[in-house]
Amino acid sequence: MKNKKPRKIIIGITILFCITITPAQNQVDENALFADTSSTVDSAKVVNTKEAIKNAEEKKSVSFSGEVNAYANPAFSRTWFDDPKSDNTGFSSLIAGNALLDVRLIGGAKAFADMEASYTPTRALSPPGSGSVFTTDSGAQLFLRELFVDANYHKLIYVRAGKQVLQWGRCNLWNPTDLVNVERKTFIAKMGHREGTYGVKLHIPYRTVFNFYSFIDANDAPTVSDLPVSIKAEVLFGRTEMAVSAWKRSGWQPVFGFDLSSQLFNVLIAAEASLRNGRDMPTLDVRDSILRLTDMGNTWIPRIAVNLTKFFPLNGVADRLMLSGEFYYNNAGYDTNMFNDRRVGQLLALLLNSGERSPASRLYEMNSYSKYYAALFTSISRFIIEQMTFSCNAIGNLNQKCFVVSMGVSYQSLHDFNFGVSFDAYPGRKHTEYTFMDNGLTVRVQAGIVF
């Protein structure tokens, strides 16, 4: 009989931390930074004075903000719970700072930059306890996460050019309609900010009932014919907003998408679906113990994500408890468990070393390997004290019966100091999507400031 002790211990620790205490990652609200500046003015408050006229005029402004966060991450392998030893305990750390520059000119032109600096003293390249290999310190690393310019023509047509993170897709984690962003959302909060995609976005709104978007992706296009183009048309019917989208690149079949957001009985509903041709979707075929790189054939492959979110009052405080459930169906998912193959290490090395445009780089996408997934996100604000938030989130690969459970508390003072502790457990069978790296339990301690 296989030893089930590690799994029982991991599950036990998961339940214990759920009862007692993932920090909410501070994300830049780009919509808040670049919200529409037009507003309705109460005529009763308008007086024809020089001071009122001066205050109503547009002004040039330059603002600077940002955040700095330090992280410490002890990691315990699954084998550690059988034989607890210090050499089976991994440890990594990181400090990252983001500087945000927001420039606004008279007439509505804007510019935004997100510059990130980070430093990693030491980190493991392989799981703890398996002959771990460590790198030396990274030295100072600089990243330009976003840098773009906004302009408009009489507030009828809006253009954004540069490196940018786009709001493309409505669900919380899975966005099958998003083929424009170079970096996907992650279940466990990223240390630092998301990488932007270089290109030009066009936005044409009509009142509050219709929006047209297009995006020309110049991130990886050495020739004009290599420029992918995405378009989206969005319409509002009452409390329901729906959109259809399409993506096309020379030499590729088009990809079609549909998404919506609505509300029913105080439940927020978000859903999106995509349809793409299997010729553009590489996959691995195992026959006669030989790994073959092929595609999924000339057939149309659907992917669907649905999210339901509801806020509840708790102890007399409105919207204090948040529950959000998300389901993902990936028709392109594997029926076999490739992670159980002894050559999976070689496969991962191939994926890590291949370029963005190679078929091998598209063989595996995190949280999109099997056919069925589900995720649950919960949070309680004002947990114990006013400035503390508790969260308990879980994601599951339902086909392989493996999971990640992330829970913890975050604290932010009135003076913008923040602190958090989270615990990420990996219950489930061995050699699955979330356990093939011998992951057991990871602790993240974070402290930082926002300015």
Protein backbone atom coordinates (compact mmCIF):
# COMPACT_ATOMS: atom_id res chain seq x y z
CA MET A 1 0.00 0.00 0.00
CA LYS A 2 1.32 3.41 -0.89
CA ASN A 3 2.22 5.68 1.95
CA LYS A 4 -0.57 8.28 2.22
CA LYS A 5 0.99 10.07 5.17
CA PRO A 6 2.27 13.11 3.17
CA ARG A 7 -1.12 13.73 1.66
CA LYS A 8 -2.90 13.43 5.01
CA ILE A 9 -0.46 15.85 6.64
CA ILE A 10 -0.81 18.39 3.79
CA ILE A 11 -4.62 18.19 3.95
CA GLY A 12 -4.50 18.54 7.73
CA ILE A 13 -2.34 21.65 7.54
CA THR A 14 -4.64 23.10 4.86
CA ILE A 15 -7.73 22.67 7.05
CA LEU A 16 -5.94 24.12 10.10
CA PHE A 17 -4.90 27.30 8.29
CA CYS A 18 -8.36 27.72 6.74
CA ILE A 19 -9.85 27.74 10.22
CA THR A 20 -7.30 30.11 11.72
CA ILE A 21 -5.99 32.48 8.86
CA THR A 22 -3.43 34.77 0.70
CA PRO A 23 -2.62 38.21 1.00
CA ALA A 24 -4.42 40.36 -1.49
CA GLN A 25 -1.88 41.58 -4.01
CA ASN A 26 -2.01 45.29 -4.59
CA GLN A 27 -2.66 45.78 -8.25
CA VAL A 28 -2.48 49.02 -10.17
CA ASP A 29 -6.03 50.09 -11.06
CA GLU A 30 -5.37 51.31 -14.56
CA ASN A 31 -9.04 52.19 -15.03
CA ALA A 32 -8.84 54.46 -12.01
CA LEU A 33 -5.65 56.07 -13.31
CA PHE A 34 -7.15 56.76 -16.70
CA ALA A 35 -10.84 57.08 -15.93
CA ASP A 36 -12.88 59.32 -18.16
CA THR A 37 -12.35 62.87 -16.98
CA SER A 38 -15.72 64.12 -18.20
CA SER A 39 -18.35 64.58 -15.51
CA THR A 40 -21.74 66.12 -14.92
CA VAL A 41 -21.66 69.42 -13.04
CA ASP A 42 -24.54 70.52 -10.82
CA SER A 43 -25.77 73.77 -12.39
CA ALA A 44 -26.78 75.08 -8.99
CA LYS A 45 -23.12 75.16 -8.01
CA VAL A 46 -21.90 76.94 -11.14
CA VAL A 47 -21.34 80.64 -10.82
CA ASN A 48 -19.90 82.95 -13.43
CA THR A 49 -16.79 84.04 -11.59
CA LYS A 50 -13.13 84.15 -12.59
CA GLU A 51 -12.30 81.64 -9.86
CA ALA A 52 -14.94 79.17 -11.08
CA ILE A 53 -13.77 79.52 -14.68
CA LYS A 54 -10.14 78.99 -13.63
CA ASN A 55 -11.00 75.89 -11.61
CA ALA A 56 -12.97 74.44 -14.52
CA GLU A 57 -10.04 74.68 -16.89
CA GLU A 58 -7.95 71.61 -17.65
CA LYS A 59 -4.56 71.55 -16.03
CA LYS A 60 -1.31 69.84 -16.84
CA SER A 61 -0.37 67.39 -14.10
CA VAL A 62 2.45 65.00 -13.28
CA SER A 63 2.06 62.46 -10.49
CA PHE A 64 4.42 59.84 -9.11
CA SER A 65 3.46 56.84 -6.99
CA GLY A 66 4.54 53.27 -6.43
CA GLU A 67 5.21 50.46 -4.01
CA VAL A 68 8.08 48.43 -2.57
CA ASN A 69 7.62 44.87 -1.29
CA ALA A 70 10.01 42.36 0.27
CA TYR A 71 9.24 38.63 0.25
CA ALA A 72 10.54 35.57 2.08
CA ASN A 73 9.38 32.14 0.87
CA PRO A 74 10.21 28.94 2.80
CA ALA A 75 9.14 25.84 0.83
CA PHE A 76 8.57 22.29 2.08
CA SER A 77 8.58 19.37 -0.36
CA ARG A 78 6.13 16.48 -0.16
CA THR A 79 8.96 14.15 0.90
CA TRP A 80 9.80 16.50 3.77
CA PHE A 81 6.63 15.41 5.57
CA ASP A 82 7.93 11.82 5.56
CA ASP A 83 11.44 12.74 6.67
CA PRO A 84 11.66 16.30 8.00
CA LYS A 85 15.18 17.56 7.38
CA SER A 86 16.50 21.06 6.93
CA ASP A 87 18.14 20.14 3.62
CA ASN A 88 14.70 19.27 2.28
CA THR A 89 13.45 22.78 3.02
CA GLY A 90 13.86 25.32 0.28
CA PHE A 91 14.04 29.07 0.72
CA SER A 92 13.87 32.00 -1.67
CA SER A 93 13.50 35.72 -1.23
CA LEU A 94 12.90 38.77 -3.36
CA ILE A 95 12.54 42.51 -3.05
CA ALA A 96 10.69 44.37 -5.80
CA GLY A 97 9.77 48.00 -6.28
CA ASN A 98 7.45 49.58 -8.84
CA ALA A 99 7.51 53.26 -9.75
CA LEU A 100 4.42 54.62 -11.50
CA LEU A 101 4.55 57.84 -13.50
CA ASP A 102 1.29 59.44 -14.67
CA VAL A 103 1.42 62.51 -16.94
CA ARG A 104 -1.70 64.33 -18.14
CA LEU A 105 -1.81 67.20 -20.60
CA ILE A 106 -4.47 69.73 -21.48
CA GLY A 107 -6.72 68.24 -24.14
CA GLY A 108 -6.76 64.71 -22.73
CA ALA A 109 -3.36 63.40 -23.83
CA LYS A 110 -1.83 61.14 -21.19
CA ALA A 111 1.24 59.02 -20.60
CA PHE A 112 1.89 56.24 -18.11
CA ALA A 113 4.98 54.28 -17.11
CA ASP A 114 5.43 51.32 -14.74
CA MET A 115 9.10 50.68 -14.00
CA GLU A 116 10.06 47.72 -11.83
CA ALA A 117 13.34 46.99 -10.08
CA SER A 118 13.98 43.72 -8.26
CA TYR A 119 16.74 41.77 -6.55
CA THR A 120 16.93 38.06 -5.72
CA PRO A 121 19.82 36.97 -3.47
CA THR A 122 19.46 33.18 -4.01
CA ARG A 123 16.83 30.88 -5.41
CA ALA A 124 16.42 27.16 -6.11
CA LEU A 125 16.25 25.89 -9.69
CA SER A 126 14.94 22.46 -8.69
CA PRO A 127 12.66 21.19 -5.91
CA PRO A 128 14.10 20.99 -2.39
CA GLY A 129 15.38 17.58 -1.41
CA SER A 130 16.05 16.44 -5.00
CA GLY A 131 19.64 17.53 -5.33
CA SER A 132 18.64 21.18 -5.45
CA VAL A 133 20.61 23.52 -7.68
CA PHE A 134 20.80 27.15 -6.64
CA THR A 135 21.64 30.31 -8.51
CA THR A 136 23.73 33.12 -7.15
CA ASP A 137 22.26 36.54 -6.60
CA SER A 138 20.49 38.04 -9.57
CA GLY A 139 22.04 41.47 -9.24
CA ALA A 140 19.83 44.49 -9.82
CA GLN A 141 17.20 43.73 -12.44
CA LEU A 142 15.20 46.43 -14.20
CA PHE A 143 11.96 45.87 -16.09
CA LEU A 144 9.72 48.22 -18.02
CA ARG A 145 6.34 46.62 -17.35
CA GLU A 146 4.28 49.33 -19.05
CA LEU A 147 4.98 52.50 -21.03
CA PHE A 148 2.33 54.02 -23.24
CA VAL A 149 0.80 57.24 -24.53
CA ASP A 150 -2.92 58.01 -24.68
CA ALA A 151 -4.44 60.48 -27.14
CA ASN A 152 -7.95 61.20 -28.39
CA TYR A 153 -9.75 63.01 -31.16
CA HIS A 154 -12.40 65.28 -29.58
CA LYS A 155 -13.10 62.48 -27.09
CA LEU A 156 -14.68 60.47 -29.89
CA ILE A 157 -11.74 58.22 -30.77
CA TYR A 158 -9.13 57.09 -28.23
CA VAL A 159 -5.71 55.68 -29.13
CA ARG A 160 -3.18 54.08 -26.78
CA ALA A 161 0.26 53.23 -28.18
CA GLY A 162 3.06 51.44 -26.35
CA LYS A 163 3.59 48.62 -23.89
CA GLN A 164 0.36 47.98 -21.99
CA VAL A 165 -1.65 45.44 -19.99
CA LEU A 166 -5.06 45.18 -21.64
CA GLN A 167 -8.40 44.48 -20.00
CA TRP A 168 -9.41 41.69 -22.39
CA GLY A 169 -11.70 39.13 -20.81
CA ARG A 170 -14.14 39.26 -17.91
CA CYS A 171 -13.46 36.29 -15.64
CA ASN A 172 -11.25 36.42 -12.60
CA LEU A 173 -8.62 33.83 -13.53
CA TRP A 174 -9.35 32.14 -16.86
CA ASN A 175 -9.68 34.37 -19.91
CA PRO A 176 -10.06 32.16 -23.01
CA THR A 177 -10.87 35.24 -25.13
CA ASP A 178 -7.58 36.94 -24.18
CA LEU A 179 -5.08 36.39 -26.98
CA VAL A 180 -3.45 39.80 -26.65
CA ASN A 181 -1.68 39.88 -23.27
CA VAL A 182 1.74 38.24 -23.17
CA GLU A 183 1.42 37.32 -19.49
CA ARG A 184 -1.57 35.42 -18.14
CA LYS A 185 -3.18 35.95 -14.77
CA THR A 186 -1.86 33.64 -12.05
CA PHE A 187 -3.70 31.89 -9.25
CA ILE A 188 -1.00 32.71 -6.69
CA ALA A 189 -0.36 36.45 -6.63
CA LYS A 190 2.70 37.42 -8.62
CA MET A 191 5.58 39.14 -6.86
CA GLY A 192 5.70 42.32 -8.93
CA HIS A 193 3.48 43.53 -11.77
CA ARG A 194 2.33 41.89 -15.01
CA GLU A 195 4.28 42.35 -18.23
CA GLY A 196 2.65 44.55 -20.85
CA THR A 197 2.18 43.83 -24.55
CA TYR A 198 3.57 46.26 -27.11
CA GLY A 199 1.04 47.52 -29.63
CA VAL A 200 -1.64 50.07 -30.51
CA LYS A 201 -5.16 49.99 -29.06
CA LEU A 202 -8.09 51.86 -30.64
CA HIS A 203 -11.27 52.59 -28.67
CA ILE A 204 -14.41 54.15 -30.18
CA PRO A 205 -17.27 54.57 -27.69
CA TYR A 206 -20.85 55.56 -28.54
CA ARG A 207 -22.58 57.08 -25.52
CA THR A 208 -22.80 54.39 -22.85
CA VAL A 209 -24.33 51.63 -24.96
CA PHE A 210 -21.61 50.63 -27.43
CA ASN A 211 -17.81 50.29 -27.55
CA PHE A 212 -15.52 49.20 -30.35
CA TYR A 213 -11.94 48.10 -29.61
CA SER A 214 -9.10 46.99 -31.81
CA PHE A 215 -5.50 46.08 -30.96
CA ILE A 216 -2.52 45.68 -33.29
CA ASP A 217 0.05 43.52 -31.50
CA ALA A 218 3.63 44.54 -32.33
CA ASN A 219 5.24 42.56 -29.53
CA ASP A 220 6.75 39.84 -31.74
CA ALA A 221 6.33 40.92 -35.34
CA PRO A 222 9.51 41.32 -37.44
CA THR A 223 7.46 42.12 -40.56
CA VAL A 224 4.18 43.94 -41.20
CA SER A 225 2.51 40.69 -42.24
CA ASP A 226 3.33 39.22 -38.82
CA LEU A 227 1.21 41.82 -36.97
CA PRO A 228 -1.75 40.09 -35.26
CA VAL A 229 -4.98 42.10 -35.12
CA SER A 230 -7.73 41.76 -32.50
CA ILE A 231 -11.14 43.44 -32.61
CA LYS A 232 -14.03 43.54 -30.16
CA ALA A 233 -17.54 45.04 -30.31
CA GLU A 234 -19.31 45.55 -26.99
CA VAL A 235 -22.96 46.48 -26.39
CA LEU A 236 -24.99 47.17 -23.23
CA PHE A 237 -28.55 45.92 -22.70
CA GLY A 238 -29.84 47.02 -19.31
CA ARG A 239 -27.57 45.37 -16.74
CA THR A 240 -26.07 42.95 -19.26
CA GLU A 241 -22.99 43.78 -21.28
CA MET A 242 -22.03 41.48 -24.15
CA ALA A 243 -19.15 41.46 -26.62
CA VAL A 244 -17.99 39.51 -29.66
CA SER A 245 -14.31 39.44 -30.61
CA ALA A 246 -11.95 38.03 -33.20
CA TRP A 247 -8.17 37.55 -33.57
CA LYS A 248 -6.23 37.00 -36.81
CA ARG A 249 -2.63 36.63 -37.85
CA SER A 250 -1.14 35.85 -41.24
CA GLY A 251 -0.72 32.10 -41.67
CA TRP A 252 -3.03 31.34 -38.71
CA GLN A 253 -6.72 30.49 -38.57
CA PRO A 254 -8.92 33.17 -36.94
CA VAL A 255 -9.98 32.88 -33.30
CA PHE A 256 -13.50 33.94 -32.29
CA GLY A 257 -14.67 34.98 -28.83
CA PHE A 258 -17.81 35.91 -26.92
CA ASP A 259 -18.08 37.32 -23.40
CA LEU A 260 -20.71 38.84 -21.14
CA SER A 261 -21.24 40.26 -17.68
CA SER A 262 -24.56 40.63 -15.90
CA GLN A 263 -26.30 40.45 -12.54
CA LEU A 264 -29.08 38.17 -11.33
CA PHE A 265 -30.48 38.29 -7.78
CA ASN A 266 -27.41 40.22 -6.55
CA VAL A 267 -25.11 37.61 -8.07
CA LEU A 268 -22.51 39.00 -10.46
CA ILE A 269 -22.15 36.82 -13.54
CA ALA A 270 -19.19 36.81 -15.93
CA ALA A 271 -18.64 34.37 -18.78
CA GLU A 272 -16.49 34.07 -21.87
CA ALA A 273 -15.83 31.51 -24.58
CA SER A 274 -13.40 31.15 -27.46
CA LEU A 275 -13.29 29.02 -30.58
CA ARG A 276 -10.00 28.29 -32.33
CA ASN A 277 -8.74 25.86 -34.94
CA GLY A 278 -6.77 22.81 -33.83
CA ARG A 279 -4.19 23.33 -36.58
CA ASP A 280 -2.76 26.20 -34.54
CA MET A 281 -2.73 24.24 -31.26
CA PRO A 282 0.35 22.01 -30.84
CA THR A 283 0.08 18.92 -28.68
CA LEU A 284 2.09 15.85 -27.69
CA ASP A 285 1.17 12.42 -28.95
CA VAL A 286 2.54 9.33 -27.18
CA ARG A 287 2.64 6.17 -29.26
CA ASP A 288 5.06 3.27 -28.86
CA SER A 289 6.68 5.18 -25.96
CA ILE A 290 7.73 7.93 -28.35
CA LEU A 291 6.87 11.60 -27.82
CA ARG A 292 5.68 13.22 -31.02
CA LEU A 293 4.92 16.87 -31.57
CA THR A 294 1.76 17.30 -33.58
CA ASP A 295 -1.37 19.47 -33.70
CA MET A 296 -5.02 18.87 -32.85
CA GLY A 297 -6.18 18.63 -36.46
CA ASN A 298 -8.51 20.71 -38.59
CA THR A 299 -11.29 20.99 -36.03
CA TRP A 300 -12.67 23.85 -33.94
CA ILE A 301 -11.75 23.74 -30.24
CA PRO A 302 -13.94 25.55 -27.64
CA ARG A 303 -12.82 26.92 -24.29
CA ILE A 304 -15.35 28.28 -21.78
CA ALA A 305 -15.07 30.06 -18.42
CA VAL A 306 -17.93 31.06 -16.09
CA ASN A 307 -17.64 33.11 -12.88
CA LEU A 308 -20.28 33.76 -10.19
CA THR A 309 -19.55 36.32 -7.45
CA LYS A 310 -21.66 37.45 -4.52
CA PHE A 311 -21.02 39.79 -1.58
CA PHE A 312 -22.63 39.12 1.79
CA PRO A 313 -23.08 41.24 4.91
CA LEU A 314 -21.31 39.96 8.01
CA ASN A 315 -21.86 41.19 11.57
CA GLY A 316 -23.76 44.21 10.32
CA VAL A 317 -21.10 45.26 7.77
CA ALA A 318 -22.26 45.32 4.15
CA ASP A 319 -20.25 43.38 1.54
CA ARG A 320 -17.78 42.16 4.14
CA LEU A 321 -17.75 38.56 2.88
CA MET A 322 -16.98 37.84 -0.78
CA LEU A 323 -17.49 34.46 -2.45
CA SER A 324 -16.47 33.89 -6.06
CA GLY A 325 -16.58 30.58 -7.91
CA GLU A 326 -15.15 29.97 -11.36
CA PHE A 327 -15.39 26.99 -13.71
CA TYR A 328 -13.22 26.37 -16.78
CA TYR A 329 -13.73 23.91 -19.61
CA ASN A 330 -10.80 23.31 -21.96
CA ASN A 331 -11.73 21.07 -24.88
CA ALA A 332 -8.06 20.94 -25.87
CA GLY A 333 -7.09 19.33 -22.55
CA TYR A 334 -5.05 16.12 -22.43
CA ASP A 335 -6.80 12.84 -21.65
CA THR A 336 -3.52 11.23 -20.58
CA ASN A 337 -1.26 12.31 -17.72
CA MET A 338 1.94 13.50 -19.35
CA PHE A 339 3.32 14.49 -15.94
CA ASN A 340 3.58 10.80 -15.08
CA ASP A 341 6.07 10.34 -17.94
CA ARG A 342 9.73 10.07 -16.88
CA ARG A 343 10.68 12.41 -19.71
CA VAL A 344 8.60 15.28 -18.38
CA GLY A 345 11.78 16.99 -17.13
CA GLN A 346 13.14 17.07 -20.66
CA LEU A 347 9.81 18.39 -21.87
CA LEU A 348 9.86 21.24 -19.35
CA ALA A 349 13.40 22.13 -20.37
CA LEU A 350 12.22 22.27 -23.97
CA LEU A 351 9.37 24.59 -23.07
CA LEU A 352 11.58 26.87 -21.00
CA ASN A 353 14.27 27.18 -23.66
CA SER A 354 12.05 27.56 -26.71
CA GLY A 355 11.14 30.98 -28.07
CA GLU A 356 7.73 32.61 -27.82
CA ARG A 357 6.83 31.85 -31.43
CA SER A 358 7.86 28.19 -31.48
CA PRO A 359 5.14 25.50 -31.30
CA ALA A 360 6.84 23.95 -28.26
CA SER A 361 6.31 27.11 -26.20
CA ARG A 362 2.53 26.65 -26.61
CA LEU A 363 2.45 23.02 -25.49
CA TYR A 364 1.75 23.78 -21.85
CA GLU A 365 -0.11 26.64 -20.23
CA MET A 366 -0.49 26.68 -16.46
CA ASN A 367 -4.04 25.86 -15.28
CA SER A 368 -5.03 24.85 -18.81
CA TYR A 369 -3.59 21.34 -19.21
CA SER A 370 -6.64 19.15 -18.53
CA LYS A 371 -10.27 19.54 -19.58
CA TYR A 372 -12.02 20.53 -16.35
CA TYR A 373 -10.97 23.05 -13.67
CA ALA A 374 -12.67 24.90 -10.86
CA ALA A 375 -11.58 27.68 -8.51
CA LEU A 376 -13.03 29.28 -5.39
CA PHE A 377 -12.05 32.70 -4.04
CA THR A 378 -13.17 33.94 -0.62
CA SER A 379 -12.25 36.97 1.44
CA ILE A 380 -13.38 38.63 4.66
CA SER A 381 -12.56 42.30 5.16
CA ARG A 382 -12.13 43.82 8.64
CA PHE A 383 -10.93 40.45 9.84
CA ILE A 384 -10.26 40.70 13.61
CA ILE A 385 -9.17 44.32 13.16
CA GLU A 386 -10.24 47.09 10.77
CA GLN A 387 -7.17 46.97 8.50
CA MET A 388 -6.89 43.19 8.12
CA THR A 389 -8.28 40.96 5.35
CA PHE A 390 -8.51 37.17 5.40
CA SER A 391 -8.62 35.14 2.20
CA CYS A 392 -8.91 31.45 1.41
CA ASN A 393 -8.66 30.42 -2.25
CA ALA A 394 -8.52 27.05 -3.98
CA ILE A 395 -8.02 25.76 -7.50
CA GLY A 396 -8.44 22.21 -8.73
CA ASN A 397 -7.56 20.19 -11.78
CA LEU A 398 -10.67 18.02 -11.63
CA ASN A 399 -9.41 15.42 -14.09
CA GLN A 400 -6.19 14.73 -12.19
CA LYS A 401 -7.66 15.35 -8.72
CA CYS A 402 -4.90 17.72 -7.66
CA PHE A 403 -5.32 21.10 -5.99
CA VAL A 404 -3.69 24.25 -4.71
CA VAL A 405 -5.11 25.82 -1.57
CA SER A 406 -3.87 29.31 -0.74
CA MET A 407 -4.88 31.11 2.44
CA GLY A 408 -3.63 33.88 4.65
CA VAL A 409 -4.09 37.35 6.04
CA SER A 410 -2.99 40.75 4.81
CA TYR A 411 -2.76 43.97 6.80
CA GLN A 412 -2.55 47.55 5.56
CA SER A 413 -2.18 50.39 7.99
CA LEU A 414 -3.68 53.84 7.64
CA HIS A 415 -0.18 55.03 6.72
CA ASP A 416 0.09 52.60 3.74
CA PHE A 417 2.37 50.03 5.34
CA ASN A 418 1.30 46.50 4.44
CA PHE A 419 2.16 43.07 5.76
CA GLY A 420 0.93 39.61 4.83
CA VAL A 421 1.42 35.90 5.49
CA SER A 422 0.07 33.20 3.22
CA PHE A 423 0.27 29.41 3.01
CA ASP A 424 0.05 27.52 -0.29
CA ALA A 425 -0.61 23.78 0.04
CA TYR A 426 -0.58 21.23 -2.79
CA PRO A 427 -2.80 18.26 -1.88
CA GLY A 428 -3.49 15.56 -4.44
CA ARG A 429 -1.91 12.59 -6.14
CA LYS A 430 1.75 12.48 -7.11
CA HIS A 431 2.90 13.24 -10.66
CA THR A 432 0.05 15.58 -11.50
CA GLU A 433 -0.03 19.16 -12.75
CA TYR A 434 0.28 20.72 -9.29
CA THR A 435 2.48 18.06 -7.63
CA PHE A 436 4.97 16.83 -10.24
CA MET A 437 7.61 19.25 -8.87
CA ASP A 438 7.24 17.59 -5.43
CA ASN A 439 5.51 20.69 -4.08
CA GLY A 440 4.14 20.29 -0.56
CA LEU A 441 3.72 23.57 1.30
CA THR A 442 5.02 27.06 0.57
CA VAL A 443 4.93 29.97 2.99
CA ARG A 444 5.07 33.56 1.79
CA VAL A 445 5.86 36.43 4.14
CA GLN A 446 5.52 39.89 2.59
CA ALA A 447 6.10 43.39 3.90
CA GLY A 448 6.00 46.63 1.97
CA ILE A 449 4.85 50.18 1.56
CA VAL A 450 2.64 52.03 -0.92
CA PHE A 451 3.39 55.64 -1.72
